[in-house]
Amino acid sequence: ASDVTVTNGTVSEFSGNGNEYSFVVTPSADGAVTVNIAAEAATAVSDSDIKSAAAAQLSLTGDVTAPSGYTVSLDQDTINTGNDEAVSFTFAGAEVGTTYSYRFSSSGGGTPVTGGGTISTATDQITGVDVSGLGDGTLTLGVILIDAAGNRGDTTTDTATKDTTAPTSHSATFTQSGVTAGNETAIGFTISNAENIDYSYTISSDGGGTDVTGSGTISGGSAT
């Protein structure tokens, strides 16, 4: 091992016998790595006066820096029955040429969803991820990048809420006991026992006419 000289690197796992030896060179920093084997490092078995010449220098490029500075963001704020089979996320600052590995998990349980591929642009969008098998709750996406040298970046994460359960047990009642000529332009109704979500309504009559429609947002479990 003393006959091997390395610039910008270290030698380990030196082993062998006879006419065959091996060792591992680990770069110390990014950049050029050179390996030199000195003259007379080997001696002929048949004649101790026959020594080996210096080996041709081996040059390599070291890469010990892991990908960094990248983030991911889920493209859906809320995941529901309309999009849970086609969820997507977008990179920012990704290193082109690295491979990515992702994992979706849910606070509501279910088998994590995993996948991966190769980064082609710094802002790649990954589409068509099916998370329908995960339970409702907070979905967490974790992603890592790995470069060609095997350096692993840190896990970057994003979260979104998954809610595929339709609202139930809510009710709506008119605030007027009847509709007359005196109040027909200001009819009201109350929604009770509701989630804090958006709502839409339609008022129709069996006597015909154009339906009246509208929408709003529930706050505090009820709206009037």
C-alpha atoms as a PDB file:
ATOM      1  CA  ALA A   1       0.000   0.000   0.000  1.00  0.00           C
ATOM      2  CA  SER A   2       2.925   2.368   0.623  1.00  0.00           C
ATOM      3  CA  ASP A   3       3.798   2.186  -3.081  1.00  0.00           C
ATOM      4  CA  VAL A   4       0.422   3.724  -4.003  1.00  0.00           C
ATOM      5  CA  THR A   5       0.279   7.519  -3.924  1.00  0.00           C
ATOM      6  CA  VAL A   6      -3.068   9.286  -4.238  1.00  0.00           C
ATOM      7  CA  THR A   7      -3.744  12.986  -4.704  1.00  0.00           C
ATOM      8  CA  ASN A   8      -7.101  14.222  -3.341  1.00  0.00           C
ATOM      9  CA  GLY A   9      -8.030  10.843  -1.974  1.00  0.00           C
ATOM     10  CA  THR A  10      -7.251   7.992   0.384  1.00  0.00           C
ATOM     11  CA  VAL A  11      -6.446   4.295  -0.114  1.00  0.00           C
ATOM     12  CA  SER A  12      -8.253   1.535   1.776  1.00  0.00           C
ATOM     13  CA  GLU A  13      -9.051  -2.162   1.514  1.00  0.00           C
ATOM     14  CA  PHE A  14      -5.640  -2.976   0.044  1.00  0.00           C
ATOM     15  CA  SER A  15      -5.421  -6.739  -0.520  1.00  0.00           C
ATOM     16  CA  GLY A  16      -4.060  -9.420  -2.840  1.00  0.00           C
ATOM     17  CA  ASN A  17      -1.136 -11.740  -3.424  1.00  0.00           C
ATOM     18  CA  GLY A  18       1.088 -12.992  -6.228  1.00  0.00           C
ATOM     19  CA  ASN A  19       0.601 -10.890  -9.312  1.00  0.00           C
ATOM     20  CA  GLU A  20      -2.820  -9.448  -8.481  1.00  0.00           C
ATOM     21  CA  TYR A  21      -3.703  -6.757  -5.926  1.00  0.00           C
ATOM     22  CA  SER A  22      -6.677  -4.464  -5.411  1.00  0.00           C
ATOM     23  CA  PHE A  23      -7.498  -1.382  -3.386  1.00  0.00           C
ATOM     24  CA  VAL A  24     -10.234   1.249  -3.021  1.00  0.00           C
ATOM     25  CA  VAL A  25      -9.622   4.951  -3.608  1.00  0.00           C
ATOM     26  CA  THR A  26     -12.023   7.363  -1.895  1.00  0.00           C
ATOM     27  CA  PRO A  27     -11.974  11.013  -3.061  1.00  0.00           C
ATOM     28  CA  SER A  28     -11.410  13.610  -0.341  1.00  0.00           C
ATOM     29  CA  ALA A  29     -13.134  16.458  -2.210  1.00  0.00           C
ATOM     30  CA  ASP A  30     -14.757  17.221  -5.531  1.00  0.00           C
ATOM     31  CA  GLY A  31     -12.293  17.483  -8.427  1.00  0.00           C
ATOM     32  CA  ALA A  32      -9.402  15.586  -9.973  1.00  0.00           C
ATOM     33  CA  VAL A  33      -8.072  12.453  -8.245  1.00  0.00           C
ATOM     34  CA  THR A  34      -4.792  10.896  -9.363  1.00  0.00           C
ATOM     35  CA  VAL A  35      -3.375   7.491  -8.506  1.00  0.00           C
ATOM     36  CA  ASN A  36       0.295   6.608  -8.973  1.00  0.00           C
ATOM     37  CA  ILE A  37       2.038   3.285  -8.382  1.00  0.00           C
ATOM     38  CA  ALA A  38       5.757   3.697  -7.867  1.00  0.00           C
ATOM     39  CA  ALA A  39       8.482   1.963  -9.830  1.00  0.00           C
ATOM     40  CA  GLU A  40       9.866  -1.243  -8.292  1.00  0.00           C
ATOM     41  CA  ALA A  41       6.612  -1.836  -6.447  1.00  0.00           C
ATOM     42  CA  ALA A  42       6.760  -5.451  -7.683  1.00  0.00           C
ATOM     43  CA  THR A  43       9.626  -7.925  -8.032  1.00  0.00           C
ATOM     44  CA  ALA A  44       9.728 -10.905 -10.387  1.00  0.00           C
ATOM     45  CA  VAL A  45       9.493 -14.249  -8.591  1.00  0.00           C
ATOM     46  CA  SER A  46      12.079 -15.786 -10.931  1.00  0.00           C
ATOM     47  CA  ASP A  47      14.658 -13.013 -10.596  1.00  0.00           C
ATOM     48  CA  SER A  48      14.791 -10.508  -7.733  1.00  0.00           C
ATOM     49  CA  ASP A  49      16.718  -8.117  -9.935  1.00  0.00           C
ATOM     50  CA  ILE A  50      13.727  -7.661 -12.222  1.00  0.00           C
ATOM     51  CA  LYS A  51      11.603  -4.798 -10.889  1.00  0.00           C
ATOM     52  CA  SER A  52       8.370  -3.301 -12.188  1.00  0.00           C
ATOM     53  CA  ALA A  53       8.286   0.067 -13.921  1.00  0.00           C
ATOM     54  CA  ALA A  54       6.087   2.890 -12.645  1.00  0.00           C
ATOM     55  CA  ALA A  55       2.472   2.334 -13.644  1.00  0.00           C
ATOM     56  CA  ALA A  56       0.688   4.786 -15.893  1.00  0.00           C
ATOM     57  CA  GLN A  57      -1.040   7.440 -13.824  1.00  0.00           C
ATOM     58  CA  LEU A  58      -4.759   6.868 -13.277  1.00  0.00           C
ATOM     59  CA  SER A  59      -6.911  10.000 -13.294  1.00  0.00           C
ATOM     60  CA  LEU A  60     -10.467  10.187 -12.007  1.00  0.00           C
ATOM     61  CA  THR A  61     -12.966  12.884 -11.098  1.00  0.00           C
ATOM     62  CA  GLY A  62     -14.153  12.928  -7.491  1.00  0.00           C
ATOM     63  CA  ASP A  63     -17.731  13.802  -6.522  1.00  0.00           C
ATOM     64  CA  VAL A  64     -18.405  13.779  -2.796  1.00  0.00           C
ATOM     65  CA  THR A  65     -21.040  16.541  -2.696  1.00  0.00           C
ATOM     66  CA  ALA A  66     -24.648  15.434  -2.272  1.00  0.00           C
ATOM     67  CA  PRO A  67     -27.500  17.203  -4.126  1.00  0.00           C
ATOM     68  CA  SER A  68     -28.852  20.121  -2.082  1.00  0.00           C
ATOM     69  CA  GLY A  69     -31.079  23.186  -2.253  1.00  0.00           C
ATOM     70  CA  TYR A  70     -34.035  21.391  -3.847  1.00  0.00           C
ATOM     71  CA  THR A  71     -37.663  21.406  -2.703  1.00  0.00           C
ATOM     72  CA  VAL A  72     -40.952  19.805  -3.731  1.00  0.00           C
ATOM     73  CA  SER A  73     -44.523  21.088  -3.532  1.00  0.00           C
ATOM     74  CA  LEU A  74     -47.770  19.205  -3.976  1.00  0.00           C
ATOM     75  CA  ASP A  75     -49.863  20.685  -6.778  1.00  0.00           C
ATOM     76  CA  GLN A  76     -53.157  19.938  -4.994  1.00  0.00           C
ATOM     77  CA  ASP A  77     -54.107  21.829  -1.817  1.00  0.00           C
ATOM     78  CA  THR A  78     -56.724  19.208  -0.966  1.00  0.00           C
ATOM     79  CA  ILE A  79     -56.878  15.639  -2.242  1.00  0.00           C
ATOM     80  CA  ASN A  80     -60.376  14.247  -2.781  1.00  0.00           C
ATOM     81  CA  THR A  81     -62.269  11.661  -4.800  1.00  0.00           C
ATOM     82  CA  GLY A  82     -61.844  13.793  -7.892  1.00  0.00           C
ATOM     83  CA  ASN A  83     -58.042  13.776  -7.924  1.00  0.00           C
ATOM     84  CA  ASP A  84     -56.736  11.065  -5.569  1.00  0.00           C
ATOM     85  CA  GLU A  85     -55.780   8.796  -8.477  1.00  0.00           C
ATOM     86  CA  ALA A  86     -53.767  11.499 -10.248  1.00  0.00           C
ATOM     87  CA  VAL A  87     -51.848  13.498  -7.644  1.00  0.00           C
ATOM     88  CA  SER A  88     -48.820  15.485  -8.814  1.00  0.00           C
ATOM     89  CA  PHE A  89     -45.895  17.393  -7.346  1.00  0.00           C
ATOM     90  CA  THR A  90     -43.296  19.817  -8.696  1.00  0.00           C
ATOM     91  CA  PHE A  91     -39.580  20.219  -7.999  1.00  0.00           C
ATOM     92  CA  ALA A  92     -37.698  23.477  -7.528  1.00  0.00           C
ATOM     93  CA  GLY A  93     -33.912  23.634  -7.716  1.00  0.00           C
ATOM     94  CA  ALA A  94     -33.453  19.949  -8.600  1.00  0.00           C
ATOM     95  CA  GLU A  95     -30.073  18.787  -9.939  1.00  0.00           C
ATOM     96  CA  VAL A  96     -30.425  17.636 -13.542  1.00  0.00           C
ATOM     97  CA  GLY A  97     -29.305  14.044 -14.069  1.00  0.00           C
ATOM     98  CA  THR A  98     -29.898  12.903 -10.506  1.00  0.00           C
ATOM     99  CA  THR A  99     -32.401  10.218  -9.660  1.00  0.00           C
ATOM    100  CA  TYR A 100     -35.328  10.945  -7.362  1.00  0.00           C
ATOM    101  CA  SER A 101     -37.180   8.693  -4.966  1.00  0.00           C
ATOM    102  CA  TYR A 102     -40.525   9.654  -3.411  1.00  0.00           C
ATOM    103  CA  ARG A 103     -42.808   8.311  -0.685  1.00  0.00           C
ATOM    104  CA  PHE A 104     -46.398   9.260   0.155  1.00  0.00           C
ATOM    105  CA  SER A 105     -47.785   8.325   3.577  1.00  0.00           C
ATOM    106  CA  SER A 106     -50.947   9.287   5.459  1.00  0.00           C
ATOM    107  CA  SER A 107     -51.784   9.940   9.092  1.00  0.00           C
ATOM    108  CA  GLY A 108     -54.941   7.962   8.298  1.00  0.00           C
ATOM    109  CA  GLY A 109     -52.970   4.807   7.480  1.00  0.00           C
ATOM    110  CA  GLY A 110     -52.608   2.706   4.355  1.00  0.00           C
ATOM    111  CA  THR A 111     -49.606   1.294   2.514  1.00  0.00           C
ATOM    112  CA  PRO A 112     -47.156   4.070   1.540  1.00  0.00           C
ATOM    113  CA  VAL A 113     -46.949   4.884  -2.166  1.00  0.00           C
ATOM    114  CA  THR A 114     -43.429   5.000  -3.586  1.00  0.00           C
ATOM    115  CA  GLY A 115     -41.764   5.670  -6.915  1.00  0.00           C
ATOM    116  CA  GLY A 116     -38.833   7.294  -8.639  1.00  0.00           C
ATOM    117  CA  GLY A 117     -37.159   8.377 -11.839  1.00  0.00           C
ATOM    118  CA  THR A 118     -34.536  10.706 -13.311  1.00  0.00           C
ATOM    119  CA  ILE A 119     -34.527  14.508 -13.155  1.00  0.00           C
ATOM    120  CA  SER A 120     -34.494  16.125 -16.596  1.00  0.00           C
ATOM    121  CA  THR A 121     -35.119  19.763 -15.579  1.00  0.00           C
ATOM    122  CA  ALA A 122     -34.736  21.680 -12.333  1.00  0.00           C
ATOM    123  CA  THR A 123     -38.516  22.136 -12.176  1.00  0.00           C
ATOM    124  CA  ASP A 124     -39.723  18.665 -13.188  1.00  0.00           C
ATOM    125  CA  GLN A 125     -43.372  17.885 -12.480  1.00  0.00           C
ATOM    126  CA  ILE A 126     -44.222  14.313 -11.481  1.00  0.00           C
ATOM    127  CA  THR A 127     -47.807  13.410 -12.352  1.00  0.00           C
ATOM    128  CA  GLY A 128     -50.307  10.573 -12.105  1.00  0.00           C
ATOM    129  CA  VAL A 129     -49.504   9.333  -8.586  1.00  0.00           C
ATOM    130  CA  ASP A 130     -52.366   7.168  -7.237  1.00  0.00           C
ATOM    131  CA  VAL A 131     -52.894   7.724  -3.497  1.00  0.00           C
ATOM    132  CA  SER A 132     -56.447   6.365  -3.395  1.00  0.00           C
ATOM    133  CA  GLY A 133     -55.291   3.509  -1.145  1.00  0.00           C
ATOM    134  CA  LEU A 134     -54.152   5.881   1.607  1.00  0.00           C
ATOM    135  CA  GLY A 135     -56.550   6.852   4.384  1.00  0.00           C
ATOM    136  CA  ASP A 136     -58.016  10.300   4.864  1.00  0.00           C
ATOM    137  CA  GLY A 137     -55.873  12.643   6.938  1.00  0.00           C
ATOM    138  CA  THR A 138     -52.607  14.511   6.450  1.00  0.00           C
ATOM    139  CA  LEU A 139     -50.650  13.184   3.472  1.00  0.00           C
ATOM    140  CA  THR A 140     -46.892  13.631   3.666  1.00  0.00           C
ATOM    141  CA  LEU A 141     -44.680  13.544   0.592  1.00  0.00           C
ATOM    142  CA  GLY A 142     -40.974  12.891   1.125  1.00  0.00           C
ATOM    143  CA  VAL A 143     -38.431  13.080  -1.711  1.00  0.00           C
ATOM    144  CA  ILE A 144     -34.659  12.549  -1.944  1.00  0.00           C
ATOM    145  CA  LEU A 145     -32.201  13.049  -4.801  1.00  0.00           C
ATOM    146  CA  ILE A 146     -29.210  10.770  -5.464  1.00  0.00           C
ATOM    147  CA  ASP A 147     -26.438  11.772  -7.859  1.00  0.00           C
ATOM    148  CA  ALA A 148     -24.441   9.533 -10.197  1.00  0.00           C
ATOM    149  CA  ALA A 149     -21.741   9.064  -7.565  1.00  0.00           C
ATOM    150  CA  GLY A 150     -24.279   7.724  -5.078  1.00  0.00           C
ATOM    151  CA  ASN A 151     -24.363  10.837  -2.878  1.00  0.00           C
ATOM    152  CA  ARG A 152     -27.777  11.134  -1.213  1.00  0.00           C
ATOM    153  CA  GLY A 153     -29.402  14.494  -0.582  1.00  0.00           C
ATOM    154  CA  ASP A 154     -31.583  15.306   2.410  1.00  0.00           C
ATOM    155  CA  THR A 155     -35.283  14.448   2.392  1.00  0.00           C
ATOM    156  CA  THR A 156     -37.514  17.362   1.415  1.00  0.00           C
ATOM    157  CA  THR A 157     -41.209  17.215   2.305  1.00  0.00           C
ATOM    158  CA  ASP A 158     -44.620  18.741   1.676  1.00  0.00           C
ATOM    159  CA  THR A 159     -48.072  17.971   3.053  1.00  0.00           C
ATOM    160  CA  ALA A 160     -51.690  18.165   1.962  1.00  0.00           C
ATOM    161  CA  THR A 161     -55.036  17.123   3.405  1.00  0.00           C
ATOM    162  CA  LYS A 162     -56.816  14.114   1.965  1.00  0.00           C
ATOM    163  CA  ASP A 163     -60.589  14.105   2.445  1.00  0.00           C
ATOM    164  CA  THR A 164     -62.599  11.654   0.357  1.00  0.00           C
ATOM    165  CA  THR A 165     -65.532  11.286   2.790  1.00  0.00           C
ATOM    166  CA  ALA A 166     -68.703  13.100   1.732  1.00  0.00           C
ATOM    167  CA  PRO A 167     -70.348  15.383   4.333  1.00  0.00           C
ATOM    168  CA  THR A 168     -73.248  13.755   6.251  1.00  0.00           C
ATOM    169  CA  SER A 169     -75.823  14.569   8.983  1.00  0.00           C
ATOM    170  CA  HIS A 170     -76.278  18.189   7.901  1.00  0.00           C
ATOM    171  CA  SER A 171     -79.733  19.723   7.396  1.00  0.00           C
ATOM    172  CA  ALA A 172     -81.276  22.827   5.842  1.00  0.00           C
ATOM    173  CA  THR A 173     -84.519  24.558   6.909  1.00  0.00           C
ATOM    174  CA  PHE A 174     -86.279  27.657   5.621  1.00  0.00           C
ATOM    175  CA  THR A 175     -86.390  30.534   8.101  1.00  0.00           C
ATOM    176  CA  GLN A 176     -89.897  31.435   6.851  1.00  0.00           C
ATOM    177  CA  SER A 177     -92.892  29.222   7.559  1.00  0.00           C
ATOM    178  CA  GLY A 178     -94.272  30.085   4.156  1.00  0.00           C
ATOM    179  CA  VAL A 179     -93.487  32.133   1.072  1.00  0.00           C
ATOM    180  CA  THR A 180     -95.787  35.053   0.368  1.00  0.00           C
ATOM    181  CA  ALA A 181     -95.871  38.141  -1.791  1.00  0.00           C
ATOM    182  CA  GLY A 182     -94.465  40.014   1.168  1.00  0.00           C
ATOM    183  CA  ASN A 183     -91.324  37.929   1.639  1.00  0.00           C
ATOM    184  CA  GLU A 184     -90.616  36.150  -1.638  1.00  0.00           C
ATOM    185  CA  THR A 185     -87.766  38.513  -2.477  1.00  0.00           C
ATOM    186  CA  ALA A 186     -85.942  37.847   0.796  1.00  0.00           C
ATOM    187  CA  ILE A 187     -86.231  34.134   1.558  1.00  0.00           C
ATOM    188  CA  GLY A 188     -83.681  32.681   3.969  1.00  0.00           C
ATOM    189  CA  PHE A 189     -82.604  29.232   5.158  1.00  0.00           C
ATOM    190  CA  THR A 190     -80.323  27.808   7.819  1.00  0.00           C
ATOM    191  CA  ILE A 191     -77.786  24.996   7.342  1.00  0.00           C
ATOM    192  CA  SER A 192     -77.056  23.071  10.559  1.00  0.00           C
ATOM    193  CA  ASN A 193     -74.626  20.338  11.697  1.00  0.00           C
ATOM    194  CA  ALA A 194     -72.363  20.980   8.727  1.00  0.00           C
ATOM    195  CA  GLU A 195     -68.606  20.789   8.182  1.00  0.00           C
ATOM    196  CA  ASN A 196     -66.695  24.006   7.600  1.00  0.00           C
ATOM    197  CA  ILE A 197     -66.785  23.685   3.824  1.00  0.00           C
ATOM    198  CA  ASP A 198     -68.210  25.368   0.741  1.00  0.00           C
ATOM    199  CA  TYR A 199     -71.874  24.797  -0.089  1.00  0.00           C
ATOM    200  CA  SER A 200     -74.167  25.340  -3.062  1.00  0.00           C
ATOM    201  CA  TYR A 201     -77.954  25.437  -3.118  1.00  0.00           C
ATOM    202  CA  THR A 202     -80.888  25.226  -5.508  1.00  0.00           C
ATOM    203  CA  ILE A 203     -84.426  26.366  -4.730  1.00  0.00           C
ATOM    204  CA  SER A 204     -87.116  25.109  -7.083  1.00  0.00           C
ATOM    205  CA  SER A 205     -90.909  25.078  -7.187  1.00  0.00           C
ATOM    206  CA  ASP A 206     -93.371  22.405  -8.295  1.00  0.00           C
ATOM    207  CA  GLY A 207     -95.272  25.300  -9.815  1.00  0.00           C
ATOM    208  CA  GLY A 208     -92.508  25.897 -12.323  1.00  0.00           C
ATOM    209  CA  GLY A 209     -90.302  28.883 -12.916  1.00  0.00           C
ATOM    210  CA  THR A 210     -86.536  29.333 -13.018  1.00  0.00           C
ATOM    211  CA  ASP A 211     -84.556  27.653 -10.229  1.00  0.00           C
ATOM    212  CA  VAL A 212     -82.744  29.942  -7.806  1.00  0.00           C
ATOM    213  CA  THR A 213     -79.140  28.963  -7.143  1.00  0.00           C
ATOM    214  CA  GLY A 214     -76.236  30.206  -5.072  1.00  0.00           C
ATOM    215  CA  SER A 215     -73.256  29.233  -2.972  1.00  0.00           C
ATOM    216  CA  GLY A 216     -71.225  30.167   0.086  1.00  0.00           C
ATOM    217  CA  THR A 217     -68.954  28.889   2.822  1.00  0.00           C
ATOM    218  CA  ILE A 218     -69.901  27.214   6.121  1.00  0.00           C
ATOM    219  CA  SER A 219     -68.239  28.633   9.234  1.00  0.00           C
ATOM    220  CA  GLY A 220     -68.681  27.227  12.723  1.00  0.00           C
ATOM    221  CA  GLY A 221     -70.825  24.331  11.535  1.00  0.00           C
ATOM    222  CA  SER A 222     -73.800  26.416  10.413  1.00  0.00           C
ATOM    223  CA  ALA A 223     -74.815  29.170   8.012  1.00  0.00           C
ATOM    224  CA  THR A 224     -77.922  31.318   7.472  1.00  0.00           C
END
